[in-house]
């Protein structure tokens, strides 16, 4: 089950505890767009809520998910997370 780059961004920010509005502001999209991404993620993961989606994200993506959330830098995916904070989003 593959997530798009944007869905990975949304999930990473969700794992950091951000709410829909904060995710939208961080990614420069509307709250509705974030909600649409989350709806597709829930369908892909067969999750009923954020907690289940986060759990499945961590289960499926394993170490990559932990690295992403904990501070790895992934500029090739159009965003940079350092020390658990999103510093920039491009594209």
PDB file of N, CA and C in Angstrom:
ATOM      1  N   UNK A   1       0.847  -1.166   0.000  1.00  0.00           N
ATOM      2  CA  UNK A   1       0.000   0.000   0.000  1.00  0.00           C
ATOM      3  C   UNK A   1       0.897   1.234   0.000  1.00  0.00           C
ATOM      4  N   UNK A   2       0.823   1.972  -1.069  1.00  0.00           N
ATOM      5  CA  UNK A   2       1.687   3.130  -1.226  1.00  0.00           C
ATOM      6  C   UNK A   2       0.932   4.425  -1.006  1.00  0.00           C
ATOM      7  N   UNK A   3       1.561   5.319  -0.282  1.00  0.00           N
ATOM      8  CA  UNK A   3       1.035   6.663  -0.117  1.00  0.00           C
ATOM      9  C   UNK A   3       1.737   7.574  -1.107  1.00  0.00           C
ATOM     10  N   UNK A   4       1.025   8.598  -1.560  1.00  0.00           N
ATOM     11  CA  UNK A   4       1.653   9.601  -2.413  1.00  0.00           C
ATOM     12  C   UNK A   4       2.609  10.428  -1.549  1.00  0.00           C
ATOM     13  N   UNK A   5       3.439  11.230  -2.203  1.00  0.00           N
ATOM     14  CA  UNK A   5       4.359  12.096  -1.450  1.00  0.00           C
ATOM     15  C   UNK A   5       3.579  13.029  -0.527  1.00  0.00           C
ATOM     16  N   UNK A   6       2.495  13.590  -1.028  1.00  0.00           N
ATOM     17  CA  UNK A   6       1.707  14.514  -0.212  1.00  0.00           C
ATOM     18  C   UNK A   6       1.056  13.783   0.959  1.00  0.00           C
ATOM     19  N   UNK A   7       0.567  12.574   0.721  1.00  0.00           N
ATOM     20  CA  UNK A   7      -0.013  11.791   1.807  1.00  0.00           C
ATOM     21  C   UNK A   7       1.037  11.465   2.862  1.00  0.00           C
ATOM     22  N   UNK A   8       2.273  11.211   2.431  1.00  0.00           N
ATOM     23  CA  UNK A   8       3.368  10.985   3.394  1.00  0.00           C
ATOM     24  C   UNK A   8       3.604  12.242   4.222  1.00  0.00           C
ATOM     25  N   UNK A   9       3.559  13.404   3.573  1.00  0.00           N
ATOM     26  CA  UNK A   9       3.731  14.657   4.297  1.00  0.00           C
ATOM     27  C   UNK A   9       2.623  14.824   5.331  1.00  0.00           C
ATOM     28  N   UNK A  10       1.392  14.597   4.903  1.00  0.00           N
ATOM     29  CA  UNK A  10       0.248  14.739   5.812  1.00  0.00           C
ATOM     30  C   UNK A  10       0.390  13.775   6.987  1.00  0.00           C
ATOM     31  N   UNK A  11       0.732  12.521   6.712  1.00  0.00           N
ATOM     32  CA  UNK A  11       0.876  11.531   7.792  1.00  0.00           C
ATOM     33  C   UNK A  11       2.009  11.904   8.744  1.00  0.00           C
ATOM     34  N   UNK A  12       3.101  12.384   8.217  1.00  0.00           N
ATOM     35  CA  UNK A  12       4.226  12.780   9.068  1.00  0.00           C
ATOM     36  C   UNK A  12       3.817  13.899  10.017  1.00  0.00           C
ATOM     37  N   UNK A  13       3.102  14.876   9.496  1.00  0.00           N
ATOM     38  CA  UNK A  13       2.646  15.985  10.327  1.00  0.00           C
ATOM     39  C   UNK A  13       1.573  15.530  11.310  1.00  0.00           C
ATOM     40  N   UNK A  14       0.726  14.611  10.879  1.00  0.00           N
ATOM     41  CA  UNK A  14      -0.281  14.044  11.766  1.00  0.00           C
ATOM     42  C   UNK A  14       0.388  13.324  12.936  1.00  0.00           C
ATOM     43  N   UNK A  15       1.443  12.586  12.648  1.00  0.00           N
ATOM     44  CA  UNK A  15       2.183  11.872  13.698  1.00  0.00           C
ATOM     45  C   UNK A  15       2.843  12.830  14.683  1.00  0.00           C
ATOM     46  N   UNK A  16       3.134  14.037  14.225  1.00  0.00           N
ATOM     47  CA  UNK A  16       3.716  15.045  15.113  1.00  0.00           C
ATOM     48  C   UNK A  16       2.658  15.712  15.984  1.00  0.00           C
ATOM     49  N   UNK A  17       1.389  15.348  15.756  1.00  0.00           N
ATOM     50  CA  UNK A  17       0.319  15.868  16.590  1.00  0.00           C
ATOM     51  C   UNK A  17      -0.388  17.089  16.045  1.00  0.00           C
ATOM     52  N   UNK A  18      -0.098  17.470  14.802  1.00  0.00           N
ATOM     53  CA  UNK A  18      -0.744  18.638  14.231  1.00  0.00           C
ATOM     54  C   UNK A  18      -2.192  18.345  13.883  1.00  0.00           C
ATOM     55  N   UNK A  19      -3.020  19.342  14.041  1.00  0.00           N
ATOM     56  CA  UNK A  19      -4.437  19.276  13.669  1.00  0.00           C
ATOM     57  C   UNK A  19      -4.570  19.655  12.194  1.00  0.00           C
ATOM     58  N   UNK A  20      -5.759  19.440  11.641  1.00  0.00           N
ATOM     59  CA  UNK A  20      -5.985  19.690  10.218  1.00  0.00           C
ATOM     60  C   UNK A  20      -5.574  21.101   9.798  1.00  0.00           C
ATOM     61  N   UNK A  21      -5.989  22.100  10.566  1.00  0.00           N
ATOM     62  CA  UNK A  21      -5.680  23.486  10.198  1.00  0.00           C
ATOM     63  C   UNK A  21      -4.170  23.739  10.198  1.00  0.00           C
ATOM     64  N   UNK A  22      -3.463  23.211  11.173  1.00  0.00           N
ATOM     65  CA  UNK A  22      -2.010  23.398  11.232  1.00  0.00           C
ATOM     66  C   UNK A  22      -1.315  22.679  10.078  1.00  0.00           C
ATOM     67  N   UNK A  23      -1.799  21.495   9.743  1.00  0.00           N
ATOM     68  CA  UNK A  23      -1.239  20.770   8.597  1.00  0.00           C
ATOM     69  C   UNK A  23      -1.478  21.582   7.325  1.00  0.00           C
ATOM     70  N   UNK A  24      -2.686  22.094   7.169  1.00  0.00           N
ATOM     71  CA  UNK A  24      -3.021  22.902   5.993  1.00  0.00           C
ATOM     72  C   UNK A  24      -2.126  24.128   5.896  1.00  0.00           C
ATOM     73  N   UNK A  25      -1.952  24.831   6.999  1.00  0.00           N
ATOM     74  CA  UNK A  25      -1.098  26.020   6.999  1.00  0.00           C
ATOM     75  C   UNK A  25       0.346  25.664   6.671  1.00  0.00           C
ATOM     76  N   UNK A  26       0.832  24.578   7.226  1.00  0.00           N
ATOM     77  CA  UNK A  26       2.209  24.158   6.999  1.00  0.00           C
ATOM     78  C   UNK A  26       2.443  23.799   5.534  1.00  0.00           C
ATOM     79  N   UNK A  27       1.468  23.143   4.926  1.00  0.00           N
ATOM     80  CA  UNK A  27       1.619  22.692   3.539  1.00  0.00           C
ATOM     81  C   UNK A  27       1.069  23.693   2.523  1.00  0.00           C
ATOM     82  N   UNK A  28       0.543  24.815   3.002  1.00  0.00           N
ATOM     83  CA  UNK A  28      -0.030  25.861   2.142  1.00  0.00           C
ATOM     84  C   UNK A  28      -1.161  25.330   1.264  1.00  0.00           C
ATOM     85  N   UNK A  29      -2.057  24.584   1.891  1.00  0.00           N
ATOM     86  CA  UNK A  29      -3.252  24.077   1.218  1.00  0.00           C
ATOM     87  C   UNK A  29      -4.447  24.381   2.109  1.00  0.00           C
ATOM     88  N   UNK A  30      -5.645  24.115   1.606  1.00  0.00           N
ATOM     89  CA  UNK A  30      -6.839  24.352   2.412  1.00  0.00           C
ATOM     90  C   UNK A  30      -7.054  23.206   3.407  1.00  0.00           C
ATOM     91  N   UNK A  31      -7.833  23.496   4.426  1.00  0.00           N
ATOM     92  CA  UNK A  31      -8.192  22.466   5.404  1.00  0.00           C
ATOM     93  C   UNK A  31      -8.944  21.344   4.699  1.00  0.00           C
ATOM     94  N   UNK A  32      -9.800  21.691   3.762  1.00  0.00           N
ATOM     95  CA  UNK A  32     -10.568  20.675   3.013  1.00  0.00           C
ATOM     96  C   UNK A  32      -9.628  19.745   2.246  1.00  0.00           C
ATOM     97  N   UNK A  33      -8.562  20.281   1.684  1.00  0.00           N
ATOM     98  CA  UNK A  33      -7.586  19.459   0.969  1.00  0.00           C
ATOM     99  C   UNK A  33      -6.936  18.466   1.921  1.00  0.00           C
ATOM    100  N   UNK A  34      -6.582  18.917   3.105  1.00  0.00           N
ATOM    101  CA  UNK A  34      -6.008  18.016   4.115  1.00  0.00           C
ATOM    102  C   UNK A  34      -7.017  16.930   4.466  1.00  0.00           C
ATOM    103  N   UNK A  35      -8.263  17.314   4.662  1.00  0.00           N
ATOM    104  CA  UNK A  35      -9.299  16.335   4.988  1.00  0.00           C
ATOM    105  C   UNK A  35      -9.487  15.323   3.863  1.00  0.00           C
ATOM    106  N   UNK A  36      -9.385  15.776   2.615  1.00  0.00           N
ATOM    107  CA  UNK A  36      -9.471  14.855   1.481  1.00  0.00           C
ATOM    108  C   UNK A  36      -8.304  13.863   1.482  1.00  0.00           C
ATOM    109  N   UNK A  37      -7.103  14.363   1.757  1.00  0.00           N
ATOM    110  CA  UNK A  37      -5.937  13.474   1.847  1.00  0.00           C
ATOM    111  C   UNK A  37      -6.141  12.450   2.967  1.00  0.00           C
ATOM    112  N   UNK A  38      -6.618  12.922   4.107  1.00  0.00           N
ATOM    113  CA  UNK A  38      -6.844  12.010   5.236  1.00  0.00           C
ATOM    114  C   UNK A  38      -7.899  10.963   4.905  1.00  0.00           C
ATOM    115  N   UNK A  39      -8.939  11.354   4.195  1.00  0.00           N
ATOM    116  CA  UNK A  39      -9.974  10.392   3.802  1.00  0.00           C
ATOM    117  C   UNK A  39      -9.386   9.285   2.930  1.00  0.00           C
ATOM    118  N   UNK A  40      -8.533   9.674   1.975  1.00  0.00           N
ATOM    119  CA  UNK A  40      -7.900   8.671   1.113  1.00  0.00           C
ATOM    120  C   UNK A  40      -6.938   7.784   1.910  1.00  0.00           C
ATOM    121  N   UNK A  41      -6.230   8.393   2.851  1.00  0.00           N
ATOM    122  CA  UNK A  41      -5.317   7.621   3.699  1.00  0.00           C
ATOM    123  C   UNK A  41      -6.107   6.617   4.538  1.00  0.00           C
ATOM    124  N   UNK A  42      -7.196   7.054   5.135  1.00  0.00           N
ATOM    125  CA  UNK A  42      -8.030   6.152   5.939  1.00  0.00           C
ATOM    126  C   UNK A  42      -8.509   4.975   5.101  1.00  0.00           C
ATOM    127  N   UNK A  43      -8.925   5.250   3.858  1.00  0.00           N
ATOM    128  CA  UNK A  43      -9.369   4.168   2.975  1.00  0.00           C
ATOM    129  C   UNK A  43      -8.223   3.196   2.678  1.00  0.00           C
ATOM    130  N   UNK A  44      -7.067   3.735   2.354  1.00  0.00           N
ATOM    131  CA  UNK A  44      -5.918   2.883   2.041  1.00  0.00           C
ATOM    132  C   UNK A  44      -5.527   2.011   3.230  1.00  0.00           C
ATOM    133  N   UNK A  45      -5.582   2.579   4.421  1.00  0.00           N
ATOM    134  CA  UNK A  45      -5.176   1.863   5.631  1.00  0.00           C
ATOM    135  C   UNK A  45      -6.340   1.107   6.279  1.00  0.00           C
ATOM    136  N   UNK A  46      -7.545   1.297   5.738  1.00  0.00           N
ATOM    137  CA  UNK A  46      -8.748   0.735   6.364  1.00  0.00           C
ATOM    138  C   UNK A  46      -8.833   1.159   7.832  1.00  0.00           C
ATOM    139  N   UNK A  47      -8.562   2.446   8.038  1.00  0.00           N
ATOM    140  CA  UNK A  47      -8.559   3.031   9.383  1.00  0.00           C
ATOM    141  C   UNK A  47      -9.839   3.834   9.587  1.00  0.00           C
ATOM    142  N   UNK A  48     -10.321   3.842  10.812  1.00  0.00           N
ATOM    143  CA  UNK A  48     -11.533   4.583  11.149  1.00  0.00           C
ATOM    144  C   UNK A  48     -11.238   5.972  11.708  1.00  0.00           C
ATOM    145  N   UNK A  49     -10.014   6.187  12.164  1.00  0.00           N
ATOM    146  CA  UNK A  49      -9.680   7.461  12.787  1.00  0.00           C
ATOM    147  C   UNK A  49      -8.169   7.712  12.730  1.00  0.00           C
ATOM    148  N   UNK A  50      -7.750   8.848  13.275  1.00  0.00           N
ATOM    149  CA  UNK A  50      -6.335   9.245  13.240  1.00  0.00           C
ATOM    150  C   UNK A  50      -5.436   8.244  13.957  1.00  0.00           C
ATOM    151  N   UNK A  51      -5.894   7.775  15.093  1.00  0.00           N
ATOM    152  CA  UNK A  51      -5.070   6.854  15.882  1.00  0.00           C
ATOM    153  C   UNK A  51      -4.789   5.580  15.089  1.00  0.00           C
ATOM    154  N   UNK A  52      -5.826   5.022  14.471  1.00  0.00           N
ATOM    155  CA  UNK A  52      -5.633   3.823  13.669  1.00  0.00           C
ATOM    156  C   UNK A  52      -4.746   4.104  12.457  1.00  0.00           C
ATOM    157  N   UNK A  53      -4.929   5.259  11.832  1.00  0.00           N
ATOM    158  CA  UNK A  53      -4.106   5.613  10.673  1.00  0.00           C
ATOM    159  C   UNK A  53      -2.635   5.742  11.066  1.00  0.00           C
ATOM    160  N   UNK A  54      -2.376   6.394  12.189  1.00  0.00           N
ATOM    161  CA  UNK A  54      -0.995   6.550  12.657  1.00  0.00           C
ATOM    162  C   UNK A  54      -0.394   5.189  12.978  1.00  0.00           C
ATOM    163  N   UNK A  55      -1.145   4.346  13.646  1.00  0.00           N
ATOM    164  CA  UNK A  55      -0.667   3.009  13.999  1.00  0.00           C
ATOM    165  C   UNK A  55      -0.311   2.204  12.752  1.00  0.00           C
ATOM    166  N   UNK A  56      -1.184   2.234  11.754  1.00  0.00           N
ATOM    167  CA  UNK A  56      -0.921   1.492  10.527  1.00  0.00           C
ATOM    168  C   UNK A  56       0.233   2.098   9.749  1.00  0.00           C
ATOM    169  N   UNK A  57       0.340   3.421   9.746  1.00  0.00           N
ATOM    170  CA  UNK A  57       1.459   4.101   9.089  1.00  0.00           C
ATOM    171  C   UNK A  57       2.779   3.624   9.690  1.00  0.00           C
ATOM    172  N   UNK A  58       2.839   3.592  11.011  1.00  0.00           N
ATOM    173  CA  UNK A  58       4.067   3.152  11.676  1.00  0.00           C
ATOM    174  C   UNK A  58       4.331   1.668  11.429  1.00  0.00           C
ATOM    175  N   UNK A  59       3.287   0.859  11.408  1.00  0.00           N
ATOM    176  CA  UNK A  59       3.446  -0.574  11.142  1.00  0.00           C
ATOM    177  C   UNK A  59       3.943  -0.828   9.721  1.00  0.00           C
ATOM    178  N   UNK A  60       3.340  -0.165   8.758  1.00  0.00           N
ATOM    179  CA  UNK A  60       3.659  -0.417   7.354  1.00  0.00           C
ATOM    180  C   UNK A  60       4.996   0.177   6.952  1.00  0.00           C
ATOM    181  N   UNK A  61       5.265   1.407   7.372  1.00  0.00           N
ATOM    182  CA  UNK A  61       6.473   2.091   6.923  1.00  0.00           C
ATOM    183  C   UNK A  61       7.653   1.907   7.871  1.00  0.00           C
ATOM    184  N   UNK A  62       7.418   1.291   9.016  1.00  0.00           N
ATOM    185  CA  UNK A  62       8.477   0.902   9.927  1.00  0.00           C
ATOM    186  C   UNK A  62       9.509   1.969  10.219  1.00  0.00           C
ATOM    187  N   UNK A  63      10.769   1.612  10.044  1.00  0.00           N
ATOM    188  CA  UNK A  63      11.877   2.501  10.396  1.00  0.00           C
ATOM    189  C   UNK A  63      11.835   3.799   9.608  1.00  0.00           C
ATOM    190  N   UNK A  64      11.406   3.741   8.343  1.00  0.00           N
ATOM    191  CA  UNK A  64      11.301   4.963   7.552  1.00  0.00           C
ATOM    192  C   UNK A  64      10.382   5.960   8.238  1.00  0.00           C
ATOM    193  N   UNK A  65       9.242   5.489   8.737  1.00  0.00           N
ATOM    194  CA  UNK A  65       8.292   6.370   9.414  1.00  0.00           C
ATOM    195  C   UNK A  65       8.912   6.971  10.670  1.00  0.00           C
ATOM    196  N   UNK A  66       9.593   6.148  11.455  1.00  0.00           N
ATOM    197  CA  UNK A  66      10.225   6.658  12.670  1.00  0.00           C
ATOM    198  C   UNK A  66      11.318   7.669  12.338  1.00  0.00           C
ATOM    199  N   UNK A  67      12.117   7.394  11.318  1.00  0.00           N
ATOM    200  CA  UNK A  67      13.154   8.339  10.904  1.00  0.00           C
ATOM    201  C   UNK A  67      12.538   9.651  10.460  1.00  0.00           C
ATOM    202  N   UNK A  68      11.481   9.552   9.671  1.00  0.00           N
ATOM    203  CA  UNK A  68      10.820  10.728   9.148  1.00  0.00           C
ATOM    204  C   UNK A  68      10.263  11.596  10.269  1.00  0.00           C
ATOM    205  N   UNK A  69       9.610  10.972  11.217  1.00  0.00           N
ATOM    206  CA  UNK A  69       8.981  11.706  12.313  1.00  0.00           C
ATOM    207  C   UNK A  69      10.023  12.243  13.284  1.00  0.00           C
ATOM    208  N   UNK A  70      11.081  11.474  13.516  1.00  0.00           N
ATOM    209  CA  UNK A  70      12.036  11.846  14.555  1.00  0.00           C
ATOM    210  C   UNK A  70      13.090  12.841  14.111  1.00  0.00           C
ATOM    211  N   UNK A  71      13.178  13.117  12.824  1.00  0.00           N
ATOM    212  CA  UNK A  71      14.103  14.167  12.463  1.00  0.00           C
ATOM    213  C   UNK A  71      14.948  13.948  11.241  1.00  0.00           C
ATOM    214  N   UNK A  72      14.731  12.913  10.494  1.00  0.00           N
ATOM    215  CA  UNK A  72      15.505  12.719   9.281  1.00  0.00           C
ATOM    216  C   UNK A  72      15.119  13.786   8.258  1.00  0.00           C
ATOM    217  N   UNK A  73      16.016  14.052   7.349  1.00  0.00           N
ATOM    218  CA  UNK A  73      15.779  15.030   6.302  1.00  0.00           C
ATOM    219  C   UNK A  73      15.503  14.299   4.999  1.00  0.00           C
ATOM    220  N   UNK A  74      14.399  14.618   4.359  1.00  0.00           N
ATOM    221  CA  UNK A  74      14.006  13.967   3.123  1.00  0.00           C
ATOM    222  C   UNK A  74      13.712  15.018   2.068  1.00  0.00           C
ATOM    223  N   UNK A  75      14.744  15.723   1.624  1.00  0.00           N
ATOM    224  CA  UNK A  75      14.547  16.785   0.651  1.00  0.00           C
ATOM    225  C   UNK A  75      14.064  16.244  -0.685  1.00  0.00           C
ATOM    226  N   UNK A  76      14.423  14.998  -1.028  1.00  0.00           N
ATOM    227  CA  UNK A  76      13.976  14.439  -2.297  1.00  0.00           C
ATOM    228  C   UNK A  76      12.468  14.248  -2.335  1.00  0.00           C
ATOM    229  N   UNK A  77      11.823  14.260  -1.198  1.00  0.00           N
ATOM    230  CA  UNK A  77      10.372  14.131  -1.130  1.00  0.00           C
ATOM    231  C   UNK A  77       9.693  15.484  -0.980  1.00  0.00           C
ATOM    232  N   UNK A  78      10.407  16.545  -1.260  1.00  0.00           N
ATOM    233  CA  UNK A  78       9.887  17.912  -1.265  1.00  0.00           C
ATOM    234  C   UNK A  78       9.537  18.472   0.104  1.00  0.00           C
ATOM    235  N   UNK A  79      10.074  17.889   1.134  1.00  0.00           N
ATOM    236  CA  UNK A  79       9.903  18.499   2.440  1.00  0.00           C
ATOM    237  C   UNK A  79      11.072  18.097   3.322  1.00  0.00           C
ATOM    238  N   UNK A  80      11.315  18.896   4.338  1.00  0.00           N
ATOM    239  CA  UNK A  80      12.442  18.669   5.219  1.00  0.00           C
ATOM    240  C   UNK A  80      11.950  18.661   6.654  1.00  0.00           C
ATOM    241  N   UNK A  81      12.166  17.565   7.343  1.00  0.00           N
ATOM    242  CA  UNK A  81      11.870  17.474   8.767  1.00  0.00           C
ATOM    243  C   UNK A  81      13.196  17.347   9.492  1.00  0.00           C
ATOM    244  N   UNK A  82      13.428  18.231  10.411  1.00  0.00           N
ATOM    245  CA  UNK A  82      14.651  18.164  11.203  1.00  0.00           C
ATOM    246  C   UNK A  82      14.272  18.261  12.669  1.00  0.00           C
ATOM    247  N   UNK A  83      14.766  17.323  13.452  1.00  0.00           N
ATOM    248  CA  UNK A  83      14.464  17.272  14.878  1.00  0.00           C
ATOM    249  C   UNK A  83      12.968  17.360  15.140  1.00  0.00           C
ATOM    250  N   UNK A  84      12.184  16.630  14.321  1.00  0.00           N
ATOM    251  CA  UNK A  84      10.753  16.554  14.549  1.00  0.00           C
ATOM    252  C   UNK A  84       9.964  17.778  14.152  1.00  0.00           C
ATOM    253  N   UNK A  85      10.594  18.722  13.447  1.00  0.00           N
ATOM    254  CA  UNK A  85       9.878  19.937  13.035  1.00  0.00           C
ATOM    255  C   UNK A  85       9.979  20.093  11.525  1.00  0.00           C
ATOM    256  N   UNK A  86       8.917  20.524  10.923  1.00  0.00           N
ATOM    257  CA  UNK A  86       8.922  20.779   9.501  1.00  0.00           C
ATOM    258  C   UNK A  86       9.506  22.159   9.262  1.00  0.00           C
ATOM    259  N   UNK A  87      10.579  22.232   8.499  1.00  0.00           N
ATOM    260  CA  UNK A  87      11.217  23.516   8.241  1.00  0.00           C
ATOM    261  C   UNK A  87      10.865  24.092   6.885  1.00  0.00           C
ATOM    262  N   UNK A  88      10.618  23.252   5.904  1.00  0.00           N
ATOM    263  CA  UNK A  88      10.274  23.798   4.595  1.00  0.00           C
ATOM    264  C   UNK A  88       9.495  22.785   3.787  1.00  0.00           C
ATOM    265  N   UNK A  89       8.663  23.333   2.939  1.00  0.00           N
ATOM    266  CA  UNK A  89       7.918  22.513   2.007  1.00  0.00           C
ATOM    267  C   UNK A  89       8.077  23.164   0.645  1.00  0.00           C
ATOM    268  N   UNK A  90       8.451  22.382  -0.339  1.00  0.00           N
ATOM    269  CA  UNK A  90       8.595  22.913  -1.680  1.00  0.00           C
ATOM    270  C   UNK A  90       7.738  22.110  -2.626  1.00  0.00           C
ATOM    271  N   UNK A  91       7.359  22.743  -3.694  1.00  0.00           N
ATOM    272  CA  UNK A  91       6.625  22.028  -4.752  1.00  0.00           C
ATOM    273  C   UNK A  91       5.202  21.763  -4.474  1.00  0.00           C
TER     274      UNK A  91
END
